[in-house]
Amino acid sequence: MTDKLVIHQVATAKAIRILEAIGAKYAIHIGDEVYGTLKVETEPKRNRVYAHGETRAYYWPMIENLNVGDSASVPFAHFDPKILASNISANCVHAWGAGNAMTARNDVNQTIEVLRLG
C-alpha cells in the first residue's frame, strides 16, 4: 500500500467519524468507493438539440470575415432562432472579444443580424 493511499484512507475515515458524530447524512464518492447512505442524484446530461459544432459550421462562414463596421445576415434555416442567436453571440465574444459585436433577431426576414463593432 502506498503512503498516498494510506493518508487518503486515514483522512476519509476521519471525515466519516466527524460527519457521524454530528449526525450528518452524507454520501462520499471517491473513485469507485461510496461511503454513507445518502442518495445523491446526479444532474442529467443536457440534451443537445444539435450536434456539437453543427450551428457554428453553418453560421461561421457567413460572419468570420467581417471587418469592423461590417454586418451580415444569417438565415434561421432549420435552426431554432433562439439557439442560433445565442450561439452566434457567444462565438462573436470568443472570436472578437466582449462588446465587439452586436446581434439582433429579425423575425420578419427570418435572420440573425450581426454587426461587428470592434
Protein backbone atom coordinates (compact mmCIF):
# COMPACT_ATOMS: atom_id res chain seq x y z
CA MET A 1 0.00 0.00 0.00
CA THR A 2 1.40 3.40 -0.94
CA ASP A 3 1.76 6.24 1.55
CA LYS A 4 -0.62 8.34 -0.53
CA LEU A 5 -3.31 5.66 -0.37
CA VAL A 6 -2.85 5.27 3.40
CA ILE A 7 -3.16 9.01 4.06
CA HIS A 8 -6.30 9.19 1.90
CA GLN A 9 -7.85 6.30 3.81
CA VAL A 10 -7.00 7.93 7.14
CA ALA A 11 -8.45 11.26 6.00
CA THR A 12 -11.61 9.58 4.70
CA ALA A 13 -12.09 7.65 7.95
CA LYS A 14 -11.63 10.85 9.98
CA ALA A 15 -14.13 12.73 7.82
CA ILE A 16 -16.69 9.94 8.24
CA ARG A 17 -16.21 9.92 12.04
CA ILE A 18 -16.78 13.67 12.17
CA LEU A 19 -19.89 13.51 9.98
CA GLU A 20 -21.33 10.67 12.04
CA ALA A 21 -20.53 12.47 15.32
CA ILE A 22 -22.61 15.47 14.30
CA GLY A 23 -25.42 13.28 12.96
CA ALA A 24 -24.98 14.32 9.35
CA LYS A 25 -26.38 12.45 6.41
CA TYR A 26 -23.67 12.05 3.84
CA ALA A 27 -22.50 10.39 0.69
CA ILE A 28 -18.84 10.39 -0.19
CA HIS A 29 -17.71 9.24 -3.62
CA ILE A 30 -14.00 8.58 -4.02
CA GLY A 31 -13.20 6.82 -7.25
CA ASP A 32 -15.40 3.72 -7.28
CA GLU A 33 -15.86 3.73 -3.50
CA VAL A 34 -19.05 5.09 -1.93
CA TYR A 35 -19.39 5.82 1.79
CA GLY A 36 -22.60 6.74 3.57
CA THR A 37 -26.22 6.08 2.81
CA LEU A 38 -27.35 9.40 1.39
CA LYS A 39 -28.50 9.02 -2.20
CA VAL A 40 -27.14 11.74 -4.43
CA GLU A 41 -28.93 12.32 -7.68
CA THR A 42 -26.66 13.41 -10.46
CA GLU A 43 -27.89 16.02 -12.86
CA PRO A 44 -28.85 14.52 -16.18
CA LYS A 45 -26.66 15.48 -19.09
CA ARG A 46 -28.06 18.33 -21.07
CA ASN A 47 -29.76 17.06 -24.18
CA ARG A 48 -28.33 18.89 -27.13
CA VAL A 49 -30.73 19.91 -29.83
CA TYR A 50 -27.90 19.96 -32.38
CA ALA A 51 -24.64 18.07 -32.58
CA HIS A 52 -21.58 19.77 -31.15
CA GLY A 53 -20.38 22.38 -33.66
CA GLU A 54 -23.36 22.00 -36.00
CA THR A 55 -24.62 25.58 -35.71
CA ARG A 56 -21.09 27.02 -35.87
CA ALA A 57 -20.35 25.09 -39.06
CA TYR A 58 -23.46 26.72 -40.53
CA TYR A 59 -23.12 30.39 -39.50
CA TRP A 60 -19.36 30.91 -39.11
CA PRO A 61 -18.54 31.04 -42.85
CA MET A 62 -21.09 33.88 -43.14
CA ILE A 63 -19.52 36.05 -40.42
CA GLU A 64 -15.89 35.05 -39.96
CA ASN A 65 -14.51 37.63 -42.42
CA LEU A 66 -16.47 40.61 -41.09
CA ASN A 67 -14.35 43.71 -40.65
CA VAL A 68 -15.15 46.40 -38.09
CA GLY A 69 -18.33 48.15 -39.23
CA ASP A 70 -19.44 45.27 -41.47
CA SER A 71 -22.68 43.38 -40.96
CA ALA A 72 -24.14 40.10 -42.13
CA SER A 73 -27.49 38.35 -42.07
CA VAL A 74 -27.59 34.71 -41.08
CA PRO A 75 -30.81 32.94 -42.13
CA PHE A 76 -32.52 30.84 -39.46
CA ALA A 77 -32.63 27.89 -41.88
CA HIS A 78 -33.78 24.85 -39.91
CA PHE A 79 -32.26 26.07 -36.62
CA ASP A 80 -34.14 27.32 -33.58
CA PRO A 81 -33.63 31.11 -33.81
CA LYS A 82 -33.08 31.49 -30.06
CA ILE A 83 -30.34 28.85 -30.02
CA LEU A 84 -28.79 30.17 -33.24
CA ALA A 85 -28.70 33.76 -31.93
CA SER A 86 -27.20 32.65 -28.62
CA ASN A 87 -24.52 30.57 -30.32
CA ILE A 88 -23.62 33.37 -32.72
CA SER A 89 -23.34 35.89 -29.87
CA ALA A 90 -21.16 33.56 -27.80
CA ASN A 91 -18.86 32.85 -30.72
CA CYS A 92 -18.52 36.55 -31.56
CA VAL A 93 -17.38 37.20 -27.98
CA HIS A 94 -14.93 34.31 -28.26
CA ALA A 95 -13.57 35.44 -31.64
CA TRP A 96 -13.55 39.22 -31.28
CA GLY A 97 -13.93 39.92 -27.55
CA ALA A 98 -16.78 41.16 -25.39
CA GLY A 99 -18.56 44.23 -26.71
CA ASN A 100 -17.10 43.92 -30.22
CA ALA A 101 -20.23 42.60 -31.93
CA MET A 102 -23.96 43.11 -31.77
CA THR A 103 -26.62 40.61 -32.79
CA ALA A 104 -30.33 41.04 -33.32
CA ARG A 105 -33.02 38.59 -34.30
CA ASN A 106 -35.05 39.69 -37.32
CA ASP A 107 -38.21 37.59 -37.28
CA VAL A 108 -39.64 39.34 -40.36
CA ASN A 109 -36.68 38.29 -42.55
CA GLN A 110 -36.02 35.10 -40.54
CA THR A 111 -32.38 36.08 -39.93
CA ILE A 112 -29.91 36.88 -37.18
CA GLU A 113 -28.28 40.23 -37.95
CA VAL A 114 -24.63 40.50 -36.90
CA LEU A 115 -22.74 43.82 -36.70
CA ARG A 116 -19.04 43.80 -35.89
CA LEU A 117 -18.15 46.78 -33.73
CA GLY A 118 -14.53 46.19 -32.87
